[in-house]
């Protein structure tokens, strides 16, 4: 019973984090299956991206804290009966953390893009490439883990990540080309 309560607490904490960001930003990164209404037009406001980045960084800090707390419980057989259970929980939390890190890097790129009206000087171009490469790395990390534990995710969520990866790769090719 104690194990079930502990796992329930972890689930509630993770769900709260995902739900609060979904509600604030209009994104469905938690895989709840409830798709938010997309914004009516492309948002081109630096303050929007700054706010989204700040919210995402706060959530990342929560993930880091929660993952570190769970790592302390690695050998608690009531919470993690097997090492596979432990590895799966940590990996899935890290995948969710990676999705928010990708949001941060995308916000960095979007802010730079808006500040320069998409016309980058060589220094800004290098910075944009760095932001996009970091975003791509985080998206690939998220996808790899979610594909490994694909029974916990619906196919449309995995496809959405693949689409994001292709979009970032396309922008990178344009900047590098």
N, C-alpha and C. Protein backbone atom coordinates (compact mmCIF):
# COMPACT_ATOMS: atom_id res chain seq x y z
N UNK A 1 0.82 -1.19 0.00
CA UNK A 1 0.00 0.00 0.00
C UNK A 1 0.87 1.26 0.00
N UNK A 2 1.94 1.22 0.79
CA UNK A 2 2.84 2.37 0.84
C UNK A 2 3.43 2.64 -0.53
N UNK A 3 3.79 1.57 -1.25
CA UNK A 3 4.36 1.69 -2.60
C UNK A 3 3.35 2.36 -3.53
N UNK A 4 2.10 1.95 -3.46
CA UNK A 4 1.08 2.53 -4.31
C UNK A 4 0.88 4.01 -4.01
N UNK A 5 0.90 4.37 -2.73
CA UNK A 5 0.76 5.78 -2.36
C UNK A 5 1.94 6.59 -2.85
N UNK A 6 3.13 6.02 -2.77
CA UNK A 6 4.32 6.73 -3.25
C UNK A 6 4.26 6.95 -4.75
N UNK A 7 3.90 5.90 -5.49
CA UNK A 7 3.80 6.04 -6.94
C UNK A 7 2.68 7.01 -7.31
N UNK A 8 1.59 7.00 -6.55
CA UNK A 8 0.50 7.93 -6.78
C UNK A 8 0.98 9.37 -6.57
N UNK A 9 1.78 9.59 -5.53
CA UNK A 9 2.30 10.93 -5.26
C UNK A 9 3.18 11.41 -6.42
N UNK A 10 4.00 10.52 -6.94
CA UNK A 10 4.86 10.87 -8.08
C UNK A 10 4.00 11.21 -9.29
N UNK A 11 2.99 10.39 -9.52
CA UNK A 11 2.11 10.62 -10.65
C UNK A 11 1.37 11.96 -10.51
N UNK A 12 0.88 12.25 -9.33
CA UNK A 12 0.17 13.51 -9.10
C UNK A 12 1.10 14.69 -9.32
N UNK A 13 2.32 14.60 -8.81
CA UNK A 13 3.28 15.70 -8.98
C UNK A 13 3.59 15.93 -10.46
N UNK A 14 3.83 14.84 -11.18
CA UNK A 14 4.15 14.94 -12.60
C UNK A 14 2.93 15.47 -13.38
N UNK A 15 1.75 14.99 -13.06
CA UNK A 15 0.54 15.43 -13.74
C UNK A 15 0.29 16.91 -13.46
N UNK A 16 0.51 17.35 -12.24
CA UNK A 16 0.32 18.75 -11.90
C UNK A 16 1.24 19.63 -12.72
N UNK A 17 2.50 19.23 -12.83
CA UNK A 17 3.46 20.02 -13.60
C UNK A 17 3.01 20.11 -15.05
N UNK A 18 2.67 18.98 -15.64
CA UNK A 18 2.26 18.94 -17.04
C UNK A 18 0.98 19.73 -17.25
N UNK A 19 0.01 19.54 -16.38
CA UNK A 19 -1.27 20.21 -16.53
C UNK A 19 -1.14 21.71 -16.39
N UNK A 20 -0.33 22.16 -15.44
CA UNK A 20 -0.21 23.60 -15.25
C UNK A 20 0.44 24.27 -16.45
N UNK A 21 1.42 23.62 -17.05
CA UNK A 21 2.04 24.21 -18.24
C UNK A 21 1.10 24.13 -19.42
N UNK A 22 0.40 23.02 -19.55
CA UNK A 22 -0.56 22.90 -20.65
C UNK A 22 -1.60 24.00 -20.55
N UNK A 23 -2.08 24.26 -19.34
CA UNK A 23 -3.08 25.29 -19.15
C UNK A 23 -2.54 26.68 -19.42
N UNK A 24 -1.30 26.92 -19.07
CA UNK A 24 -0.72 28.26 -19.23
C UNK A 24 -0.29 28.54 -20.66
N UNK A 25 0.22 27.53 -21.34
CA UNK A 25 0.83 27.78 -22.63
C UNK A 25 0.01 27.31 -23.81
N UNK A 26 -0.95 26.43 -23.57
CA UNK A 26 -1.72 25.92 -24.69
C UNK A 26 -1.06 24.78 -25.41
N UNK A 27 -0.03 24.19 -24.84
CA UNK A 27 0.64 23.06 -25.45
C UNK A 27 0.28 21.78 -24.71
N UNK A 28 0.33 20.67 -25.40
CA UNK A 28 0.00 19.38 -24.79
C UNK A 28 1.25 18.50 -24.79
N UNK A 29 2.24 18.86 -23.99
CA UNK A 29 3.47 18.09 -23.95
C UNK A 29 3.38 16.92 -22.99
N UNK A 30 2.32 16.82 -22.22
CA UNK A 30 2.18 15.74 -21.26
C UNK A 30 1.54 14.50 -21.85
N UNK A 31 1.05 14.59 -23.08
CA UNK A 31 0.45 13.43 -23.70
C UNK A 31 -0.89 13.07 -23.10
N UNK A 32 -1.63 14.04 -22.60
CA UNK A 32 -2.91 13.76 -21.95
C UNK A 32 -3.97 13.34 -22.96
N UNK A 33 -3.74 13.61 -24.22
CA UNK A 33 -4.72 13.27 -25.23
C UNK A 33 -5.72 14.38 -25.46
N UNK A 34 -5.77 15.36 -24.59
CA UNK A 34 -6.67 16.50 -24.75
C UNK A 34 -5.89 17.58 -25.50
N UNK A 35 -6.28 17.81 -26.72
CA UNK A 35 -5.56 18.77 -27.54
C UNK A 35 -6.12 20.17 -27.35
N UNK A 36 -5.25 21.12 -27.03
CA UNK A 36 -5.72 22.49 -26.85
C UNK A 36 -6.06 23.12 -28.20
N UNK A 37 -6.84 24.17 -28.14
CA UNK A 37 -7.16 24.91 -29.35
C UNK A 37 -5.92 25.71 -29.75
N UNK A 38 -5.46 25.55 -30.99
CA UNK A 38 -4.28 26.29 -31.41
C UNK A 38 -4.57 27.79 -31.46
N UNK A 39 -3.53 28.60 -31.26
CA UNK A 39 -3.75 30.04 -31.33
C UNK A 39 -4.21 30.42 -32.74
N UNK A 40 -5.03 31.47 -32.86
CA UNK A 40 -5.59 31.82 -34.16
C UNK A 40 -4.55 32.30 -35.17
N UNK A 41 -3.42 32.79 -34.71
CA UNK A 41 -2.38 33.26 -35.62
C UNK A 41 -1.01 33.01 -35.00
N UNK A 42 0.02 33.11 -35.81
CA UNK A 42 1.37 32.92 -35.31
C UNK A 42 1.70 34.05 -34.34
N UNK A 43 2.20 33.67 -33.19
CA UNK A 43 2.52 34.66 -32.17
C UNK A 43 3.90 35.24 -32.48
N UNK A 44 3.95 36.55 -32.59
CA UNK A 44 5.21 37.22 -32.92
C UNK A 44 5.54 38.26 -31.87
N UNK A 45 5.45 37.85 -30.62
CA UNK A 45 5.66 38.76 -29.52
C UNK A 45 6.81 38.25 -28.65
N UNK A 46 7.83 39.04 -28.51
CA UNK A 46 9.00 38.64 -27.72
C UNK A 46 8.59 38.36 -26.28
N UNK A 47 7.69 39.15 -25.73
CA UNK A 47 7.27 38.95 -24.34
C UNK A 47 6.61 37.59 -24.15
N UNK A 48 5.86 37.13 -25.16
CA UNK A 48 5.26 35.80 -25.09
C UNK A 48 6.34 34.74 -24.94
N UNK A 49 7.37 34.81 -25.78
CA UNK A 49 8.43 33.82 -25.73
C UNK A 49 9.25 33.92 -24.44
N UNK A 50 9.44 35.14 -23.95
CA UNK A 50 10.15 35.30 -22.68
C UNK A 50 9.37 34.67 -21.53
N UNK A 51 8.05 34.87 -21.55
CA UNK A 51 7.20 34.29 -20.50
C UNK A 51 7.21 32.77 -20.60
N UNK A 52 7.05 32.25 -21.80
CA UNK A 52 7.06 30.80 -22.01
C UNK A 52 8.39 30.20 -21.58
N UNK A 53 9.48 30.88 -21.91
CA UNK A 53 10.80 30.40 -21.54
C UNK A 53 10.95 30.37 -20.02
N UNK A 54 10.50 31.43 -19.35
CA UNK A 54 10.61 31.49 -17.90
C UNK A 54 9.78 30.39 -17.24
N UNK A 55 8.55 30.18 -17.72
CA UNK A 55 7.71 29.11 -17.19
C UNK A 55 8.36 27.74 -17.40
N UNK A 56 8.92 27.53 -18.57
CA UNK A 56 9.55 26.25 -18.89
C UNK A 56 10.79 26.03 -18.02
N UNK A 57 11.57 27.08 -17.81
CA UNK A 57 12.75 26.95 -16.94
C UNK A 57 12.35 26.61 -15.52
N UNK A 58 11.24 27.14 -15.05
CA UNK A 58 10.74 26.82 -13.72
C UNK A 58 10.34 25.35 -13.64
N UNK A 59 9.69 24.87 -14.67
CA UNK A 59 9.28 23.47 -14.71
C UNK A 59 10.50 22.56 -14.78
N UNK A 60 11.51 22.96 -15.55
CA UNK A 60 12.75 22.18 -15.63
C UNK A 60 13.38 22.06 -14.25
N UNK A 61 13.41 23.16 -13.51
CA UNK A 61 13.97 23.13 -12.16
C UNK A 61 13.20 22.15 -11.28
N UNK A 62 11.87 22.11 -11.42
CA UNK A 62 11.07 21.15 -10.67
C UNK A 62 11.41 19.72 -11.06
N UNK A 63 11.58 19.47 -12.36
CA UNK A 63 11.96 18.14 -12.81
C UNK A 63 13.31 17.74 -12.23
N UNK A 64 14.27 18.64 -12.28
CA UNK A 64 15.61 18.34 -11.75
C UNK A 64 15.50 17.98 -10.27
N UNK A 65 14.75 18.76 -9.53
CA UNK A 65 14.57 18.49 -8.09
C UNK A 65 13.91 17.13 -7.88
N UNK A 66 12.80 16.88 -8.58
CA UNK A 66 12.08 15.62 -8.41
C UNK A 66 12.90 14.40 -8.84
N UNK A 67 13.63 14.54 -9.92
CA UNK A 67 14.49 13.43 -10.36
C UNK A 67 15.57 13.15 -9.33
N UNK A 68 16.18 14.20 -8.81
CA UNK A 68 17.20 14.02 -7.77
C UNK A 68 16.62 13.37 -6.52
N UNK A 69 15.41 13.74 -6.15
CA UNK A 69 14.75 13.12 -4.99
C UNK A 69 14.47 11.64 -5.25
N UNK A 70 14.02 11.33 -6.45
CA UNK A 70 13.76 9.93 -6.79
C UNK A 70 15.03 9.10 -6.84
N UNK A 71 16.11 9.71 -7.28
CA UNK A 71 17.39 8.99 -7.33
C UNK A 71 17.84 8.57 -5.93
N UNK A 72 17.45 9.34 -4.92
CA UNK A 72 17.78 8.98 -3.54
C UNK A 72 17.01 7.73 -3.11
N UNK A 73 15.92 7.44 -3.78
CA UNK A 73 15.07 6.30 -3.43
C UNK A 73 15.32 5.08 -4.31
N UNK A 74 16.40 5.11 -5.06
CA UNK A 74 16.69 4.05 -6.03
C UNK A 74 16.62 2.66 -5.41
N UNK A 75 17.11 2.49 -4.22
CA UNK A 75 17.17 1.17 -3.60
C UNK A 75 15.97 0.85 -2.73
N UNK A 76 14.97 1.71 -2.73
CA UNK A 76 13.75 1.47 -1.95
C UNK A 76 12.85 0.52 -2.74
N UNK A 77 12.81 -0.72 -2.31
CA UNK A 77 12.07 -1.76 -3.05
C UNK A 77 10.56 -1.56 -2.97
N UNK A 78 10.09 -0.78 -2.02
CA UNK A 78 8.65 -0.51 -1.95
C UNK A 78 8.23 0.46 -3.06
N UNK A 79 9.11 1.34 -3.44
CA UNK A 79 8.80 2.31 -4.50
C UNK A 79 9.22 1.77 -5.85
N UNK A 80 10.42 1.21 -5.92
CA UNK A 80 10.94 0.64 -7.16
C UNK A 80 11.29 -0.82 -6.92
N UNK A 81 10.34 -1.73 -7.15
CA UNK A 81 10.60 -3.15 -6.89
C UNK A 81 11.78 -3.70 -7.70
N UNK A 82 11.97 -3.17 -8.91
CA UNK A 82 13.09 -3.63 -9.74
C UNK A 82 13.86 -2.43 -10.25
N UNK A 83 15.08 -2.68 -10.67
CA UNK A 83 15.91 -1.63 -11.24
C UNK A 83 15.29 -1.12 -12.54
N UNK A 84 14.57 -1.99 -13.25
CA UNK A 84 13.90 -1.59 -14.49
C UNK A 84 12.81 -0.55 -14.20
N UNK A 85 12.08 -0.74 -13.09
CA UNK A 85 11.06 0.24 -12.70
C UNK A 85 11.71 1.60 -12.45
N UNK A 86 12.80 1.57 -11.72
CA UNK A 86 13.53 2.80 -11.41
C UNK A 86 14.01 3.48 -12.70
N UNK A 87 14.67 2.70 -13.56
CA UNK A 87 15.22 3.25 -14.80
C UNK A 87 14.12 3.84 -15.69
N UNK A 88 13.00 3.17 -15.74
CA UNK A 88 11.89 3.65 -16.57
C UNK A 88 11.34 4.98 -16.05
N UNK A 89 11.11 5.07 -14.76
CA UNK A 89 10.57 6.31 -14.19
C UNK A 89 11.54 7.46 -14.43
N UNK A 90 12.82 7.24 -14.15
CA UNK A 90 13.81 8.30 -14.33
C UNK A 90 13.90 8.69 -15.80
N UNK A 91 13.95 7.70 -16.70
CA UNK A 91 14.06 8.00 -18.13
C UNK A 91 12.85 8.78 -18.64
N UNK A 92 11.67 8.40 -18.20
CA UNK A 92 10.48 9.09 -18.67
C UNK A 92 10.40 10.52 -18.12
N UNK A 93 10.81 10.71 -16.89
CA UNK A 93 10.85 12.07 -16.34
C UNK A 93 11.90 12.92 -17.08
N UNK A 94 13.04 12.31 -17.39
CA UNK A 94 14.07 13.03 -18.13
C UNK A 94 13.61 13.36 -19.55
N UNK A 95 12.79 12.49 -20.14
CA UNK A 95 12.24 12.78 -21.47
C UNK A 95 11.30 13.98 -21.42
N UNK A 96 10.47 14.04 -20.38
CA UNK A 96 9.58 15.19 -20.23
C UNK A 96 10.40 16.46 -19.97
N UNK A 97 11.45 16.33 -19.18
CA UNK A 97 12.33 17.47 -18.93
C UNK A 97 12.95 17.94 -20.25
N UNK A 98 13.36 17.00 -21.09
CA UNK A 98 13.95 17.36 -22.38
C UNK A 98 12.97 18.12 -23.26
N UNK A 99 11.68 17.77 -23.16
CA UNK A 99 10.69 18.48 -23.98
C UNK A 99 10.61 19.95 -23.57
N UNK A 100 10.74 20.22 -22.28
CA UNK A 100 10.72 21.61 -21.82
C UNK A 100 12.03 22.32 -22.14
N UNK A 101 13.14 21.59 -22.13
CA UNK A 101 14.41 22.19 -22.53
C UNK A 101 14.36 22.56 -24.01
N UNK A 102 13.70 21.74 -24.81
CA UNK A 102 13.54 22.06 -26.23
C UNK A 102 12.72 23.34 -26.40
N UNK A 103 11.70 23.50 -25.56
CA UNK A 103 10.88 24.72 -25.61
C UNK A 103 11.75 25.94 -25.30
N UNK A 104 12.61 25.83 -24.30
CA UNK A 104 13.49 26.94 -23.94
C UNK A 104 14.38 27.32 -25.12
N UNK A 105 14.99 26.32 -25.76
CA UNK A 105 15.87 26.61 -26.89
C UNK A 105 15.10 27.19 -28.08
N UNK A 106 13.87 26.70 -28.28
CA UNK A 106 13.05 27.27 -29.34
C UNK A 106 12.71 28.73 -29.04
N UNK A 107 12.39 29.02 -27.78
CA UNK A 107 12.11 30.41 -27.39
C UNK A 107 13.32 31.30 -27.62
N UNK A 108 14.49 30.80 -27.28
CA UNK A 108 15.72 31.58 -27.50
C UNK A 108 15.86 31.91 -28.99
N UNK A 109 15.64 30.91 -29.82
CA UNK A 109 15.74 31.12 -31.27
C UNK A 109 14.66 32.11 -31.74
N UNK A 110 13.43 31.92 -31.28
CA UNK A 110 12.33 32.79 -31.72
C UNK A 110 12.58 34.24 -31.30
N UNK A 111 13.08 34.44 -30.11
CA UNK A 111 13.38 35.81 -29.64
C UNK A 111 14.45 36.44 -30.53
N UNK A 112 15.52 35.69 -30.78
CA UNK A 112 16.59 36.20 -31.66
C UNK A 112 16.04 36.50 -33.05
N UNK A 113 15.22 35.62 -33.56
CA UNK A 113 14.63 35.78 -34.89
C UNK A 113 13.76 37.05 -34.94
N UNK A 114 12.97 37.27 -33.89
CA UNK A 114 12.11 38.47 -33.85
C UNK A 114 12.93 39.75 -33.67
N UNK A 115 13.98 39.68 -32.87
CA UNK A 115 14.82 40.86 -32.64
C UNK A 115 15.52 41.31 -33.91
N UNK A 116 15.83 40.36 -34.78
CA UNK A 116 16.59 40.67 -35.99
C UNK A 116 15.74 40.65 -37.26
N UNK A 117 14.44 40.42 -37.11
CA UNK A 117 13.54 40.25 -38.25
C UNK A 117 14.03 39.16 -39.21
N UNK A 118 14.67 38.15 -38.64
CA UNK A 118 15.14 37.02 -39.44
C UNK A 118 16.38 37.29 -40.26
N UNK A 119 16.97 38.46 -40.10
CA UNK A 119 18.19 38.83 -40.83
C UNK A 119 19.36 38.77 -39.85
N UNK A 120 20.06 37.65 -39.85
CA UNK A 120 21.14 37.43 -38.89
C UNK A 120 22.48 37.89 -39.44
N UNK A 121 23.24 38.62 -38.60
CA UNK A 121 24.65 38.87 -38.94
C UNK A 121 25.38 37.57 -38.60
N UNK A 122 26.67 37.45 -38.94
CA UNK A 122 27.38 36.19 -38.71
C UNK A 122 27.35 35.72 -37.24
N UNK A 123 27.47 36.62 -36.30
CA UNK A 123 27.44 36.24 -34.88
C UNK A 123 26.05 35.74 -34.49
N UNK A 124 25.02 36.46 -34.94
CA UNK A 124 23.65 36.06 -34.63
C UNK A 124 23.30 34.74 -35.32
N UNK A 125 23.81 34.55 -36.50
CA UNK A 125 23.56 33.30 -37.23
C UNK A 125 24.15 32.13 -36.47
N UNK A 126 25.36 32.30 -35.96
CA UNK A 126 25.99 31.24 -35.17
C UNK A 126 25.19 30.96 -33.90
N UNK A 127 24.68 32.01 -33.27
CA UNK A 127 23.87 31.84 -32.07
C UNK A 127 22.56 31.12 -32.41
N UNK A 128 21.94 31.48 -33.51
CA UNK A 128 20.69 30.83 -33.93
C UNK A 128 20.93 29.34 -34.20
N UNK A 129 22.03 29.04 -34.86
CA UNK A 129 22.38 27.64 -35.14
C UNK A 129 22.57 26.87 -33.83
N UNK A 130 23.23 27.49 -32.87
CA UNK A 130 23.45 26.85 -31.56
C UNK A 130 22.13 26.57 -30.87
N UNK A 131 21.22 27.55 -30.86
CA UNK A 131 19.91 27.35 -30.24
C UNK A 131 19.18 26.19 -30.89
N UNK A 132 19.19 26.16 -32.22
CA UNK A 132 18.47 25.11 -32.94
C UNK A 132 19.11 23.74 -32.75
N UNK A 133 20.44 23.68 -32.72
CA UNK A 133 21.10 22.40 -32.48
C UNK A 133 20.78 21.88 -31.08
N UNK A 134 20.73 22.78 -30.11
CA UNK A 134 20.37 22.38 -28.75
C UNK A 134 18.92 21.89 -28.69
N UNK A 135 18.04 22.59 -29.39
CA UNK A 135 16.64 22.17 -29.44
C UNK A 135 16.52 20.79 -30.09
N UNK A 136 17.23 20.60 -31.18
CA UNK A 136 17.21 19.32 -31.88
C UNK A 136 17.71 18.19 -30.98
N UNK A 137 18.78 18.42 -30.25
CA UNK A 137 19.32 17.41 -29.34
C UNK A 137 18.28 17.01 -28.29
N UNK A 138 17.59 17.99 -27.73
CA UNK A 138 16.59 17.70 -26.70
C UNK A 138 15.39 16.96 -27.29
N UNK A 139 14.95 17.34 -28.47
CA UNK A 139 13.83 16.65 -29.12
C UNK A 139 14.20 15.20 -29.44
N UNK A 140 15.42 14.98 -29.90
CA UNK A 140 15.85 13.62 -30.19
C UNK A 140 15.95 12.77 -28.93
N UNK A 141 16.41 13.38 -27.85
CA UNK A 141 16.47 12.68 -26.57
C UNK A 141 15.07 12.29 -26.11
N UNK A 142 14.14 13.23 -26.22
CA UNK A 142 12.75 12.97 -25.84
C UNK A 142 12.17 11.84 -26.69
N UNK A 143 12.35 11.92 -28.00
CA UNK A 143 11.81 10.91 -28.90
C UNK A 143 12.39 9.53 -28.64
N UNK A 144 13.70 9.46 -28.45
CA UNK A 144 14.35 8.17 -28.21
C UNK A 144 13.77 7.48 -26.98
N UNK A 145 13.62 8.23 -25.91
CA UNK A 145 13.08 7.64 -24.68
C UNK A 145 11.62 7.25 -24.85
N UNK A 146 10.84 8.12 -25.46
CA UNK A 146 9.42 7.82 -25.61
C UNK A 146 9.19 6.66 -26.57
N UNK A 147 10.05 6.48 -27.55
CA UNK A 147 9.95 5.32 -28.43
C UNK A 147 10.34 4.05 -27.68
N UNK A 148 11.31 4.16 -26.79
CA UNK A 148 11.74 3.01 -26.00
C UNK A 148 10.59 2.51 -25.12
N UNK A 149 9.82 3.44 -24.57
CA UNK A 149 8.68 3.10 -23.72
C UNK A 149 7.38 3.49 -24.42
N UNK A 150 7.27 3.11 -25.68
CA UNK A 150 6.17 3.57 -26.53
C UNK A 150 4.79 3.14 -26.05
N UNK A 151 4.72 2.09 -25.23
CA UNK A 151 3.40 1.68 -24.73
C UNK A 151 2.80 2.73 -23.79
N UNK A 152 3.60 3.67 -23.30
CA UNK A 152 3.11 4.74 -22.43
C UNK A 152 2.69 5.99 -23.20
N UNK A 153 2.90 6.01 -24.51
CA UNK A 153 2.63 7.21 -25.31
C UNK A 153 1.80 6.83 -26.53
N UNK A 154 0.94 7.76 -26.93
CA UNK A 154 0.17 7.47 -28.14
C UNK A 154 1.00 7.84 -29.37
N UNK A 155 0.67 7.21 -30.47
CA UNK A 155 1.43 7.39 -31.70
C UNK A 155 1.42 8.83 -32.18
N UNK A 156 0.32 9.53 -31.98
CA UNK A 156 0.26 10.92 -32.46
C UNK A 156 1.25 11.81 -31.71
N UNK A 157 1.51 11.52 -30.44
CA UNK A 157 2.49 12.29 -29.69
C UNK A 157 3.89 12.05 -30.25
N UNK A 158 4.19 10.80 -30.57
CA UNK A 158 5.51 10.49 -31.15
C UNK A 158 5.65 11.14 -32.52
N UNK A 159 4.59 11.12 -33.30
CA UNK A 159 4.62 11.75 -34.62
C UNK A 159 4.80 13.26 -34.51
N UNK A 160 4.18 13.87 -33.52
CA UNK A 160 4.33 15.32 -33.33
C UNK A 160 5.78 15.68 -33.03
N UNK A 161 6.46 14.86 -32.25
CA UNK A 161 7.88 15.11 -31.96
C UNK A 161 8.70 14.97 -33.23
N UNK A 162 8.38 13.96 -34.04
CA UNK A 162 9.11 13.77 -35.31
C UNK A 162 8.91 14.97 -36.24
N UNK A 163 7.71 15.52 -36.26
CA UNK A 163 7.44 16.71 -37.08
C UNK A 163 8.27 17.88 -36.58
N UNK A 164 8.32 18.06 -35.25
CA UNK A 164 9.14 19.13 -34.68
C UNK A 164 10.61 18.96 -35.08
N UNK A 165 11.09 17.73 -35.02
CA UNK A 165 12.49 17.46 -35.38
C UNK A 165 12.73 17.84 -36.84
N UNK A 166 11.82 17.46 -37.72
CA UNK A 166 11.98 17.79 -39.15
C UNK A 166 11.96 19.30 -39.37
N UNK A 167 11.10 20.01 -38.65
CA UNK A 167 11.03 21.47 -38.79
C UNK A 167 12.33 22.12 -38.36
N UNK A 168 12.88 21.67 -37.25
CA UNK A 168 14.15 22.23 -36.76
C UNK A 168 15.27 21.90 -37.74
N UNK A 169 15.29 20.67 -38.25
CA UNK A 169 16.32 20.28 -39.22
C UNK A 169 16.23 21.14 -40.49
N UNK A 170 15.01 21.44 -40.92
CA UNK A 170 14.82 22.27 -42.11
C UNK A 170 15.37 23.68 -41.90
N UNK A 171 15.07 24.26 -40.75
CA UNK A 171 15.58 25.60 -40.45
C UNK A 171 17.10 25.57 -40.36
N UNK A 172 17.64 24.54 -39.72
CA UNK A 172 19.10 24.41 -39.61
C UNK A 172 19.75 24.31 -40.99
N UNK A 173 19.16 23.51 -41.86
CA UNK A 173 19.72 23.37 -43.23
C UNK A 173 19.73 24.72 -43.94
N UNK A 174 18.67 25.48 -43.74
CA UNK A 174 18.59 26.80 -44.37
C UNK A 174 19.69 27.71 -43.85
N UNK A 175 19.89 27.69 -42.54
CA UNK A 175 20.93 28.54 -41.94
C UNK A 175 22.35 28.07 -42.31
N UNK A 176 22.52 26.78 -42.42
CA UNK A 176 23.84 26.23 -42.74
C UNK A 176 24.14 26.27 -44.24
N UNK A 177 23.09 26.34 -45.05
CA UNK A 177 23.24 26.27 -46.49
C UNK A 177 23.63 27.54 -47.08
